[in-house]
Amino acid sequence: MTRFLYLVRHGDASPHHGPLSETGREQARLVGRRLREVPLAAITHGPLPRAAQTAAIIAESCPGVPVYVSDLAGDYIPSDPDPAELPPRFASLVSSYTAAERAEGTRLARAAIEEFARPGVEGADAYELVVTHNFLIGWLVSQALAAPTWRWLGLNQMNGGLTVIAYQPDLPPRLISFNEAGYLPSALRWTGFPPSAVPPCD
């Protein structure tokens, strides 16, 4: 059976590592509205406040769905590429983490693949949501596409963006959607590009 993994980056936080801002809470509320008709079996979130708060707001639109916390959905660097093999900007980012942080992130990322990136069991299709951080979503997408282990770098998600990956037995993963945000008004979206480079989509 197919396992549909829904991945949402936490809402905007202010300051960056603090609790959700007003913008972040509204993003989370709209994500919940977007997902309220999806038959989710579980919501899992990372331990940091911005992920936990986002998950709690989404869960208000999904009554009865159990909510879990997992270190595997946390904020960590998911692989330890050689900086010499990376573009300079990526190399600088990787080098900003200690060797211990890179080793622990690699361990968590491997465990995250085993936990989240697997087919469903016999029976009905499964739908699960993970509320997490930019790096882990990029990691799961890159691995679903069999990309190099460093290619999570540059796969950036906007706050409140939705990505869906489908896993089936005996088939490669399928990327259903990436960084969906049509349910967010323009003022709540962030693309990483200057406004002049992004056409309006309302």
N, C-alpha and C. Protein backbone atom coordinates (compact mmCIF):
# COMPACT_ATOMS: atom_id res chain seq x y z
N MET A 1 0.83 -1.19 0.00
CA MET A 1 0.00 0.00 0.00
C MET A 1 0.87 1.26 0.00
N THR A 2 0.31 2.35 -0.42
CA THR A 2 1.07 3.60 -0.55
C THR A 2 1.08 4.36 0.78
N ARG A 3 2.25 4.84 1.13
CA ARG A 3 2.37 5.74 2.28
C ARG A 3 2.61 7.13 1.74
N PHE A 4 1.70 8.06 2.04
CA PHE A 4 1.83 9.44 1.62
C PHE A 4 2.41 10.22 2.79
N LEU A 5 3.62 10.71 2.60
CA LEU A 5 4.31 11.47 3.63
C LEU A 5 4.15 12.95 3.33
N TYR A 6 3.45 13.65 4.19
CA TYR A 6 3.25 15.10 4.08
C TYR A 6 4.30 15.78 4.94
N LEU A 7 5.04 16.70 4.35
CA LEU A 7 6.11 17.40 5.05
C LEU A 7 5.81 18.90 5.05
N VAL A 8 5.81 19.50 6.22
CA VAL A 8 5.55 20.93 6.34
C VAL A 8 6.68 21.57 7.13
N ARG A 9 7.22 22.64 6.58
CA ARG A 9 8.18 23.42 7.36
C ARG A 9 7.41 24.29 8.36
N HIS A 10 7.93 24.39 9.56
CA HIS A 10 7.30 25.18 10.60
C HIS A 10 7.01 26.60 10.13
N GLY A 11 6.08 27.25 10.81
CA GLY A 11 5.77 28.63 10.51
C GLY A 11 6.89 29.58 10.88
N ASP A 12 6.78 30.80 10.41
CA ASP A 12 7.77 31.84 10.70
C ASP A 12 7.92 32.03 12.20
N ALA A 13 9.16 32.18 12.64
CA ALA A 13 9.45 32.39 14.06
C ALA A 13 10.21 33.68 14.24
N SER A 14 9.93 34.38 15.31
CA SER A 14 10.59 35.67 15.56
C SER A 14 10.88 35.80 17.04
N PRO A 15 12.19 35.84 17.41
CA PRO A 15 13.37 35.73 16.55
C PRO A 15 13.44 34.36 15.90
N HIS A 16 14.40 34.16 14.99
CA HIS A 16 14.41 32.98 14.14
C HIS A 16 14.29 31.67 14.92
N HIS A 17 14.93 31.57 16.07
CA HIS A 17 14.89 30.32 16.82
C HIS A 17 13.92 30.39 17.99
N GLY A 18 13.04 31.39 18.00
CA GLY A 18 12.09 31.53 19.09
C GLY A 18 10.74 30.94 18.76
N PRO A 19 9.70 31.36 19.49
CA PRO A 19 8.34 30.88 19.21
C PRO A 19 7.81 31.47 17.91
N LEU A 20 6.67 30.97 17.47
CA LEU A 20 6.08 31.46 16.24
C LEU A 20 5.71 32.94 16.36
N SER A 21 5.92 33.64 15.26
CA SER A 21 5.43 35.01 15.15
C SER A 21 3.95 34.98 14.78
N GLU A 22 3.32 36.15 14.72
CA GLU A 22 1.93 36.21 14.26
C GLU A 22 1.82 35.65 12.84
N THR A 23 2.81 35.98 12.01
CA THR A 23 2.83 35.43 10.65
C THR A 23 2.90 33.92 10.69
N GLY A 24 3.77 33.37 11.54
CA GLY A 24 3.92 31.93 11.64
C GLY A 24 2.65 31.24 12.11
N ARG A 25 1.95 31.85 13.05
CA ARG A 25 0.70 31.24 13.53
C ARG A 25 -0.36 31.23 12.43
N GLU A 26 -0.41 32.29 11.64
CA GLU A 26 -1.37 32.32 10.54
C GLU A 26 -1.00 31.31 9.47
N GLN A 27 0.29 31.18 9.17
CA GLN A 27 0.72 30.15 8.22
C GLN A 27 0.28 28.76 8.70
N ALA A 28 0.51 28.48 9.98
CA ALA A 28 0.13 27.17 10.53
C ALA A 28 -1.37 26.95 10.46
N ARG A 29 -2.14 27.98 10.76
CA ARG A 29 -3.59 27.85 10.69
C ARG A 29 -4.05 27.52 9.28
N LEU A 30 -3.44 28.15 8.28
CA LEU A 30 -3.83 27.89 6.89
C LEU A 30 -3.35 26.52 6.42
N VAL A 31 -2.21 26.06 6.92
CA VAL A 31 -1.80 24.69 6.63
C VAL A 31 -2.84 23.71 7.17
N GLY A 32 -3.29 23.95 8.41
CA GLY A 32 -4.32 23.09 8.98
C GLY A 32 -5.58 23.06 8.14
N ARG A 33 -5.99 24.23 7.64
CA ARG A 33 -7.16 24.28 6.76
C ARG A 33 -6.91 23.49 5.48
N ARG A 34 -5.69 23.59 4.94
CA ARG A 34 -5.35 22.85 3.72
C ARG A 34 -5.41 21.33 3.95
N LEU A 35 -5.06 20.87 5.15
CA LEU A 35 -4.94 19.43 5.41
C LEU A 35 -6.16 18.83 6.12
N ARG A 36 -7.16 19.60 6.41
CA ARG A 36 -8.23 19.09 7.27
C ARG A 36 -9.03 17.96 6.65
N GLU A 37 -9.03 17.85 5.31
CA GLU A 37 -9.75 16.76 4.66
C GLU A 37 -8.85 15.55 4.39
N VAL A 38 -7.57 15.66 4.68
CA VAL A 38 -6.65 14.53 4.48
C VAL A 38 -6.81 13.56 5.66
N PRO A 39 -6.98 12.27 5.41
CA PRO A 39 -7.19 11.31 6.51
C PRO A 39 -5.88 10.96 7.22
N LEU A 40 -5.30 11.95 7.88
CA LEU A 40 -4.02 11.73 8.54
C LEU A 40 -4.14 10.70 9.66
N ALA A 41 -3.15 9.82 9.72
CA ALA A 41 -3.08 8.84 10.81
C ALA A 41 -2.26 9.36 11.98
N ALA A 42 -1.35 10.31 11.71
CA ALA A 42 -0.49 10.83 12.77
C ALA A 42 0.14 12.13 12.33
N ILE A 43 0.45 12.95 13.31
CA ILE A 43 1.24 14.17 13.11
C ILE A 43 2.48 14.04 13.99
N THR A 44 3.65 14.12 13.39
CA THR A 44 4.91 14.07 14.12
C THR A 44 5.64 15.39 13.94
N HIS A 45 6.23 15.90 15.01
CA HIS A 45 6.95 17.16 14.90
C HIS A 45 8.27 17.09 15.65
N GLY A 46 9.18 17.98 15.28
CA GLY A 46 10.44 18.09 15.98
C GLY A 46 10.26 18.71 17.34
N PRO A 47 11.29 18.64 18.20
CA PRO A 47 11.15 19.10 19.58
C PRO A 47 11.24 20.60 19.79
N LEU A 48 11.73 21.37 18.82
CA LEU A 48 11.89 22.80 19.02
C LEU A 48 10.53 23.52 19.03
N PRO A 49 10.42 24.63 19.78
CA PRO A 49 9.12 25.29 19.94
C PRO A 49 8.43 25.64 18.63
N ARG A 50 9.17 26.12 17.64
CA ARG A 50 8.51 26.57 16.41
C ARG A 50 7.85 25.41 15.67
N ALA A 51 8.46 24.21 15.74
CA ALA A 51 7.83 23.03 15.12
C ALA A 51 6.67 22.53 15.97
N ALA A 52 6.85 22.49 17.28
CA ALA A 52 5.80 22.01 18.17
C ALA A 52 4.56 22.90 18.09
N GLN A 53 4.77 24.21 18.06
CA GLN A 53 3.64 25.13 18.00
C GLN A 53 2.91 25.03 16.66
N THR A 54 3.68 24.89 15.59
CA THR A 54 3.06 24.72 14.27
C THR A 54 2.20 23.47 14.24
N ALA A 55 2.73 22.37 14.75
CA ALA A 55 1.98 21.11 14.77
C ALA A 55 0.72 21.24 15.60
N ALA A 56 0.80 21.93 16.75
CA ALA A 56 -0.37 22.07 17.62
C ALA A 56 -1.48 22.86 16.92
N ILE A 57 -1.10 23.90 16.19
CA ILE A 57 -2.11 24.71 15.49
C ILE A 57 -2.72 23.89 14.35
N ILE A 58 -1.89 23.17 13.61
CA ILE A 58 -2.42 22.31 12.53
C ILE A 58 -3.38 21.28 13.11
N ALA A 59 -3.01 20.69 14.25
CA ALA A 59 -3.82 19.64 14.87
C ALA A 59 -5.20 20.13 15.25
N GLU A 60 -5.37 21.42 15.49
CA GLU A 60 -6.69 21.96 15.80
C GLU A 60 -7.67 21.75 14.65
N SER A 61 -7.15 21.66 13.42
CA SER A 61 -7.99 21.41 12.24
C SER A 61 -8.13 19.93 11.94
N CYS A 62 -7.46 19.09 12.71
CA CYS A 62 -7.45 17.64 12.48
C CYS A 62 -7.82 16.92 13.77
N PRO A 63 -9.03 17.11 14.27
CA PRO A 63 -9.39 16.53 15.57
C PRO A 63 -9.28 15.01 15.57
N GLY A 64 -8.75 14.49 16.67
CA GLY A 64 -8.61 13.05 16.83
C GLY A 64 -7.33 12.47 16.28
N VAL A 65 -6.54 13.25 15.55
CA VAL A 65 -5.29 12.74 15.00
C VAL A 65 -4.22 12.82 16.09
N PRO A 66 -3.56 11.71 16.41
CA PRO A 66 -2.54 11.76 17.47
C PRO A 66 -1.33 12.57 17.04
N VAL A 67 -0.72 13.25 18.00
CA VAL A 67 0.44 14.11 17.76
C VAL A 67 1.61 13.58 18.56
N TYR A 68 2.76 13.41 17.90
CA TYR A 68 3.96 12.86 18.53
C TYR A 68 5.13 13.82 18.32
N VAL A 69 6.09 13.75 19.22
CA VAL A 69 7.33 14.50 19.07
C VAL A 69 8.47 13.52 18.83
N SER A 70 9.38 13.87 17.94
CA SER A 70 10.50 12.98 17.62
C SER A 70 11.75 13.79 17.30
N ASP A 71 12.88 13.38 17.87
CA ASP A 71 14.15 14.01 17.53
C ASP A 71 14.49 13.85 16.05
N LEU A 72 13.94 12.81 15.41
CA LEU A 72 14.22 12.58 14.00
C LEU A 72 13.64 13.68 13.12
N ALA A 73 12.65 14.40 13.63
CA ALA A 73 12.06 15.53 12.90
C ALA A 73 12.65 16.85 13.34
N GLY A 74 13.80 16.82 14.00
CA GLY A 74 14.42 18.03 14.53
C GLY A 74 15.21 18.80 13.49
N ASP A 75 15.93 19.79 13.98
CA ASP A 75 16.70 20.70 13.12
C ASP A 75 18.17 20.32 13.21
N TYR A 76 18.67 19.64 12.18
CA TYR A 76 20.06 19.18 12.18
C TYR A 76 20.57 19.12 10.75
N ILE A 77 21.88 19.04 10.62
CA ILE A 77 22.50 18.92 9.30
C ILE A 77 22.50 17.44 8.92
N PRO A 78 21.86 17.06 7.80
CA PRO A 78 21.60 15.64 7.56
C PRO A 78 22.71 14.85 6.88
N SER A 79 23.78 15.47 6.45
CA SER A 79 24.90 14.71 5.91
C SER A 79 26.18 15.51 6.13
N ASP A 80 27.30 14.87 5.92
CA ASP A 80 28.60 15.49 6.19
C ASP A 80 29.46 15.47 4.93
N PRO A 81 29.08 16.27 3.93
CA PRO A 81 29.85 16.27 2.68
C PRO A 81 31.19 16.96 2.85
N ASP A 82 32.12 16.62 1.98
CA ASP A 82 33.43 17.26 1.98
C ASP A 82 33.27 18.68 1.45
N PRO A 83 33.57 19.71 2.25
CA PRO A 83 33.40 21.09 1.77
C PRO A 83 34.17 21.38 0.50
N ALA A 84 35.27 20.67 0.27
CA ALA A 84 36.07 20.91 -0.94
C ALA A 84 35.31 20.54 -2.21
N GLU A 85 34.27 19.72 -2.09
CA GLU A 85 33.51 19.27 -3.25
C GLU A 85 32.23 20.08 -3.47
N LEU A 86 32.04 21.13 -2.66
CA LEU A 86 30.80 21.89 -2.71
C LEU A 86 31.03 23.29 -3.26
N PRO A 87 29.98 23.92 -3.79
CA PRO A 87 30.09 25.34 -4.11
C PRO A 87 30.45 26.13 -2.85
N PRO A 88 31.16 27.23 -2.97
CA PRO A 88 31.67 27.94 -1.78
C PRO A 88 30.61 28.27 -0.75
N ARG A 89 29.44 28.73 -1.19
CA ARG A 89 28.42 29.11 -0.22
C ARG A 89 27.94 27.89 0.58
N PHE A 90 27.78 26.77 -0.08
CA PHE A 90 27.38 25.55 0.62
C PHE A 90 28.50 25.07 1.53
N ALA A 91 29.73 25.16 1.05
CA ALA A 91 30.88 24.74 1.87
C ALA A 91 30.96 25.54 3.16
N SER A 92 30.68 26.83 3.07
CA SER A 92 30.71 27.68 4.25
C SER A 92 29.65 27.25 5.26
N LEU A 93 28.47 26.91 4.78
CA LEU A 93 27.40 26.46 5.67
C LEU A 93 27.78 25.17 6.38
N VAL A 94 28.24 24.19 5.62
CA VAL A 94 28.62 22.90 6.22
C VAL A 94 29.73 23.09 7.24
N SER A 95 30.70 23.93 6.92
CA SER A 95 31.85 24.14 7.81
C SER A 95 31.47 24.88 9.09
N SER A 96 30.29 25.51 9.11
CA SER A 96 29.87 26.22 10.31
C SER A 96 29.40 25.28 11.42
N TYR A 97 29.22 24.00 11.07
CA TYR A 97 28.82 22.99 12.06
C TYR A 97 30.06 22.25 12.56
N THR A 98 30.05 21.87 13.83
CA THR A 98 31.18 21.12 14.37
C THR A 98 31.16 19.69 13.83
N ALA A 99 32.29 19.01 13.97
CA ALA A 99 32.37 17.61 13.54
C ALA A 99 31.35 16.77 14.28
N ALA A 100 31.17 17.05 15.58
CA ALA A 100 30.20 16.28 16.36
C ALA A 100 28.77 16.53 15.87
N GLU A 101 28.45 17.77 15.54
CA GLU A 101 27.11 18.09 15.02
C GLU A 101 26.87 17.41 13.68
N ARG A 102 27.90 17.38 12.84
CA ARG A 102 27.73 16.74 11.53
C ARG A 102 27.57 15.23 11.69
N ALA A 103 28.30 14.64 12.59
CA ALA A 103 28.18 13.19 12.81
C ALA A 103 26.81 12.84 13.38
N GLU A 104 26.35 13.61 14.36
CA GLU A 104 25.04 13.34 14.95
C GLU A 104 23.93 13.58 13.94
N GLY A 105 24.06 14.62 13.12
CA GLY A 105 23.06 14.87 12.10
C GLY A 105 22.98 13.74 11.09
N THR A 106 24.13 13.20 10.69
CA THR A 106 24.14 12.08 9.76
C THR A 106 23.44 10.87 10.36
N ARG A 107 23.68 10.62 11.64
CA ARG A 107 23.01 9.49 12.32
C ARG A 107 21.50 9.68 12.35
N LEU A 108 21.07 10.88 12.71
CA LEU A 108 19.63 11.15 12.77
C LEU A 108 18.99 11.06 11.38
N ALA A 109 19.69 11.55 10.37
CA ALA A 109 19.13 11.54 9.02
C ALA A 109 18.94 10.12 8.51
N ARG A 110 19.89 9.24 8.79
CA ARG A 110 19.72 7.84 8.39
C ARG A 110 18.53 7.21 9.09
N ALA A 111 18.38 7.51 10.37
CA ALA A 111 17.24 6.98 11.11
C ALA A 111 15.92 7.57 10.60
N ALA A 112 15.96 8.84 10.19
CA ALA A 112 14.75 9.47 9.65
C ALA A 112 14.31 8.78 8.35
N ILE A 113 15.25 8.39 7.52
CA ILE A 113 14.89 7.66 6.30
C ILE A 113 14.20 6.36 6.67
N GLU A 114 14.73 5.63 7.64
CA GLU A 114 14.12 4.36 8.04
C GLU A 114 12.73 4.57 8.63
N GLU A 115 12.55 5.67 9.36
CA GLU A 115 11.27 5.92 10.04
C GLU A 115 10.21 6.49 9.12
N PHE A 116 10.58 7.46 8.30
CA PHE A 116 9.59 8.19 7.53
C PHE A 116 9.50 7.77 6.07
N ALA A 117 10.60 7.33 5.47
CA ALA A 117 10.65 7.10 4.02
C ALA A 117 10.49 5.61 3.71
N ARG A 118 9.34 5.08 4.07
CA ARG A 118 9.10 3.65 3.84
C ARG A 118 7.67 3.46 3.35
N PRO A 119 7.42 2.36 2.63
CA PRO A 119 6.07 2.10 2.13
C PRO A 119 5.09 1.82 3.26
N GLY A 120 3.80 1.87 2.91
CA GLY A 120 2.79 1.49 3.86
C GLY A 120 2.73 -0.01 4.05
N VAL A 121 2.00 -0.43 5.04
CA VAL A 121 1.82 -1.86 5.30
C VAL A 121 0.60 -2.34 4.54
N GLU A 122 0.36 -3.66 4.59
CA GLU A 122 -0.81 -4.22 3.90
C GLU A 122 -2.09 -3.58 4.44
N GLY A 123 -3.00 -3.31 3.54
CA GLY A 123 -4.26 -2.68 3.94
C GLY A 123 -4.45 -1.37 3.21
N ALA A 124 -5.09 -0.42 3.87
CA ALA A 124 -5.40 0.86 3.24
C ALA A 124 -4.16 1.73 3.12
N ASP A 125 -4.23 2.71 2.22
CA ASP A 125 -3.16 3.69 2.11
C ASP A 125 -3.02 4.45 3.43
N ALA A 126 -1.81 4.94 3.69
CA ALA A 126 -1.53 5.66 4.94
C ALA A 126 -1.14 7.09 4.61
N TYR A 127 -1.56 8.01 5.47
CA TYR A 127 -1.27 9.43 5.31
C TYR A 127 -0.70 9.94 6.63
N GLU A 128 0.51 10.47 6.58
CA GLU A 128 1.16 10.95 7.79
C GLU A 128 1.79 12.31 7.54
N LEU A 129 1.79 13.14 8.57
CA LEU A 129 2.34 14.49 8.48
C LEU A 129 3.55 14.61 9.40
N VAL A 130 4.62 15.20 8.89
CA VAL A 130 5.79 15.53 9.69
C VAL A 130 6.00 17.04 9.61
N VAL A 131 5.95 17.71 10.74
CA VAL A 131 6.21 19.14 10.83
C VAL A 131 7.65 19.30 11.28
N THR A 132 8.48 19.86 10.42
CA THR A 132 9.91 19.81 10.66
C THR A 132 10.59 21.08 10.16
N HIS A 133 11.83 20.93 9.69
CA HIS A 133 12.68 22.06 9.35
C HIS A 133 13.18 21.92 7.91
N ASN A 134 13.76 22.99 7.42
CA ASN A 134 14.18 23.07 6.02
C ASN A 134 15.11 21.94 5.61
N PHE A 135 16.14 21.68 6.43
CA PHE A 135 17.16 20.70 6.03
C PHE A 135 16.57 19.31 5.88
N LEU A 136 15.72 18.88 6.82
CA LEU A 136 15.20 17.52 6.75
C LEU A 136 14.29 17.34 5.54
N ILE A 137 13.47 18.35 5.23
CA ILE A 137 12.63 18.22 4.05
C ILE A 137 13.50 18.10 2.80
N GLY A 138 14.52 18.96 2.69
CA GLY A 138 15.44 18.85 1.56
C GLY A 138 16.12 17.49 1.49
N TRP A 139 16.48 16.95 2.65
CA TRP A 139 17.12 15.64 2.70
C TRP A 139 16.18 14.54 2.20
N LEU A 140 14.95 14.52 2.68
CA LEU A 140 14.00 13.48 2.26
C LEU A 140 13.67 13.59 0.77
N VAL A 141 13.55 14.83 0.27
CA VAL A 141 13.30 15.02 -1.16
C VAL A 141 14.49 14.55 -1.98
N SER A 142 15.69 14.94 -1.58
CA SER A 142 16.88 14.56 -2.35
C SER A 142 17.05 13.05 -2.38
N GLN A 143 16.78 12.38 -1.27
CA GLN A 143 16.92 10.93 -1.24
C GLN A 143 15.81 10.24 -2.01
N ALA A 144 14.61 10.81 -2.02
CA ALA A 144 13.53 10.25 -2.83
C ALA A 144 13.88 10.29 -4.32
N LEU A 145 14.67 11.30 -4.71
CA LEU A 145 15.06 11.44 -6.12
C LEU A 145 16.42 10.83 -6.41
N ALA A 146 16.98 10.10 -5.43
CA ALA A 146 18.28 9.44 -5.59
C ALA A 146 19.38 10.43 -5.97
N ALA A 147 19.32 11.61 -5.40
CA ALA A 147 20.32 12.64 -5.66
C ALA A 147 21.55 12.41 -4.78
N PRO A 148 22.66 13.08 -5.06
CA PRO A 148 23.84 12.96 -4.19
C PRO A 148 23.49 13.34 -2.76
N THR A 149 24.22 12.77 -1.81
CA THR A 149 23.87 12.95 -0.40
C THR A 149 24.00 14.38 0.08
N TRP A 150 24.66 15.26 -0.69
CA TRP A 150 24.76 16.67 -0.29
C TRP A 150 23.65 17.52 -0.90
N ARG A 151 22.81 16.93 -1.76
CA ARG A 151 21.92 17.76 -2.58
C ARG A 151 20.71 18.30 -1.84
N TRP A 152 20.58 17.99 -0.55
CA TRP A 152 19.59 18.70 0.26
C TRP A 152 19.93 20.18 0.35
N LEU A 153 21.22 20.49 0.18
CA LEU A 153 21.64 21.88 0.16
C LEU A 153 21.02 22.59 -1.05
N GLY A 154 20.37 23.69 -0.80
CA GLY A 154 19.74 24.45 -1.87
C GLY A 154 18.30 24.08 -2.16
N LEU A 155 17.80 23.00 -1.56
CA LEU A 155 16.38 22.65 -1.71
C LEU A 155 15.60 23.33 -0.59
N ASN A 156 15.32 24.60 -0.77
CA ASN A 156 14.77 25.41 0.32
C ASN A 156 13.25 25.42 0.32
N GLN A 157 12.70 25.34 1.52
CA GLN A 157 11.25 25.36 1.71
C GLN A 157 10.84 26.69 2.33
N MET A 158 9.70 27.19 1.94
CA MET A 158 9.18 28.38 2.63
C MET A 158 8.48 27.95 3.91
N ASN A 159 8.40 28.85 4.86
CA ASN A 159 7.66 28.56 6.08
C ASN A 159 6.20 28.28 5.73
N GLY A 160 5.69 27.16 6.22
CA GLY A 160 4.32 26.78 5.91
C GLY A 160 4.15 26.10 4.57
N GLY A 161 5.24 25.85 3.84
CA GLY A 161 5.16 25.16 2.56
C GLY A 161 4.93 23.67 2.76
N LEU A 162 4.27 23.05 1.80
CA LEU A 162 3.89 21.63 1.88
C LEU A 162 4.55 20.82 0.78
N THR A 163 5.18 19.73 1.16
CA THR A 163 5.77 18.78 0.22
C THR A 163 5.18 17.41 0.49
N VAL A 164 4.90 16.65 -0.56
CA VAL A 164 4.31 15.31 -0.40
C VAL A 164 5.13 14.30 -1.20
N ILE A 165 5.50 13.22 -0.54
CA ILE A 165 6.23 12.12 -1.17
C ILE A 165 5.43 10.84 -0.96
N ALA A 166 5.29 10.02 -2.01
CA ALA A 166 4.57 8.75 -1.91
C ALA A 166 5.57 7.60 -1.98
N TYR A 167 5.38 6.63 -1.07
CA TYR A 167 6.25 5.45 -1.00
C TYR A 167 5.39 4.21 -1.20
N GLN A 168 5.81 3.36 -2.15
CA GLN A 168 5.12 2.10 -2.43
C GLN A 168 6.12 0.96 -2.46
N PRO A 169 5.69 -0.26 -2.12
CA PRO A 169 6.60 -1.40 -2.21
C PRO A 169 7.06 -1.61 -3.65
N ASP A 170 8.34 -1.92 -3.80
CA ASP A 170 8.91 -2.31 -5.11
C ASP A 170 8.89 -1.20 -6.15
N LEU A 171 8.72 0.05 -5.73
CA LEU A 171 8.78 1.17 -6.65
C LEU A 171 9.62 2.28 -6.02
N PRO A 172 10.28 3.09 -6.85
CA PRO A 172 11.00 4.24 -6.27
C PRO A 172 10.00 5.25 -5.72
N PRO A 173 10.43 6.07 -4.77
CA PRO A 173 9.53 7.09 -4.23
C PRO A 173 9.09 8.06 -5.33
N ARG A 174 7.91 8.65 -5.13
CA ARG A 174 7.37 9.62 -6.08
C ARG A 174 7.19 10.96 -5.37
N LEU A 175 7.75 11.99 -5.95
CA LEU A 175 7.57 13.34 -5.42
C LEU A 175 6.27 13.89 -6.00
N ILE A 176 5.23 13.98 -5.15
CA ILE A 176 3.90 14.40 -5.60
C ILE A 176 3.84 15.92 -5.72
N SER A 177 4.34 16.61 -4.71
CA SER A 177 4.38 18.08 -4.76
C SER A 177 5.58 18.55 -3.95
N PHE A 178 6.06 19.75 -4.31
CA PHE A 178 7.22 20.31 -3.62
C PHE A 178 6.96 21.77 -3.30
N ASN A 179 7.01 22.09 -2.01
CA ASN A 179 6.91 23.48 -1.56
C ASN A 179 5.61 24.14 -2.02
N GLU A 180 4.52 23.39 -1.97
CA GLU A 180 3.21 23.94 -2.31
C GLU A 180 2.85 25.05 -1.33
N ALA A 181 2.28 26.13 -1.84
CA ALA A 181 1.90 27.24 -0.96
C ALA A 181 0.73 28.03 -1.52
N GLY A 182 -0.05 27.43 -2.40
CA GLY A 182 -1.18 28.15 -2.99
C GLY A 182 -2.23 28.55 -1.98
N TYR A 183 -2.25 27.89 -0.82
CA TYR A 183 -3.22 28.22 0.22
C TYR A 183 -2.77 29.39 1.08
N LEU A 184 -1.54 29.86 0.87
CA LEU A 184 -1.03 31.02 1.61
C LEU A 184 -1.16 32.27 0.75
N PRO A 185 -1.69 33.36 1.28
CA PRO A 185 -1.69 34.61 0.51
C PRO A 185 -0.27 35.09 0.27
N SER A 186 -0.10 35.96 -0.70
CA SER A 186 1.25 36.39 -1.10
C SER A 186 2.05 36.94 0.07
N ALA A 187 1.40 37.65 0.97
CA ALA A 187 2.12 38.25 2.09
C ALA A 187 2.71 37.23 3.04
N LEU A 188 2.22 35.97 2.99
CA LEU A 188 2.71 34.93 3.89
C LEU A 188 3.66 33.96 3.20
N ARG A 189 3.99 34.23 1.94
CA ARG A 189 4.90 33.35 1.22
C ARG A 189 6.31 33.93 1.20
N TRP A 190 7.28 33.05 1.16
CA TRP A 190 8.67 33.45 0.97
C TRP A 190 9.29 32.48 -0.01
N THR A 191 9.81 32.99 -1.11
CA THR A 191 10.37 32.14 -2.15
C THR A 191 11.89 32.11 -2.16
N GLY A 192 12.53 33.08 -1.51
CA GLY A 192 13.97 33.18 -1.58
C GLY A 192 14.44 34.04 -2.74
N PHE A 193 13.50 34.52 -3.56
CA PHE A 193 13.84 35.36 -4.69
C PHE A 193 13.26 36.76 -4.47
N PRO A 194 13.85 37.79 -5.09
CA PRO A 194 13.28 39.13 -4.97
C PRO A 194 11.90 39.17 -5.60
N PRO A 195 11.00 40.03 -5.12
CA PRO A 195 9.63 40.07 -5.64
C PRO A 195 9.55 40.26 -7.15
N SER A 196 10.49 41.01 -7.71
CA SER A 196 10.45 41.27 -9.15
C SER A 196 10.69 40.01 -9.96
N ALA A 197 11.27 38.96 -9.34
CA ALA A 197 11.57 37.72 -10.07
C ALA A 197 10.45 36.70 -9.97
N VAL A 198 9.43 36.97 -9.18
CA VAL A 198 8.36 36.01 -8.95
C VAL A 198 7.04 36.59 -9.43
N PRO A 199 6.43 36.00 -10.46
CA PRO A 199 5.15 36.53 -10.95
C PRO A 199 4.05 36.31 -9.91
N PRO A 200 3.06 37.18 -9.85
CA PRO A 200 1.95 36.98 -8.91
C PRO A 200 1.19 35.72 -9.24
N CYS A 201 0.71 35.02 -8.21
CA CYS A 201 -0.02 33.78 -8.45
C CYS A 201 -1.33 33.73 -7.69
N ASP A 202 -1.83 34.87 -7.26
CA ASP A 202 -3.15 34.92 -6.60
C ASP A 202 -4.26 34.90 -7.65
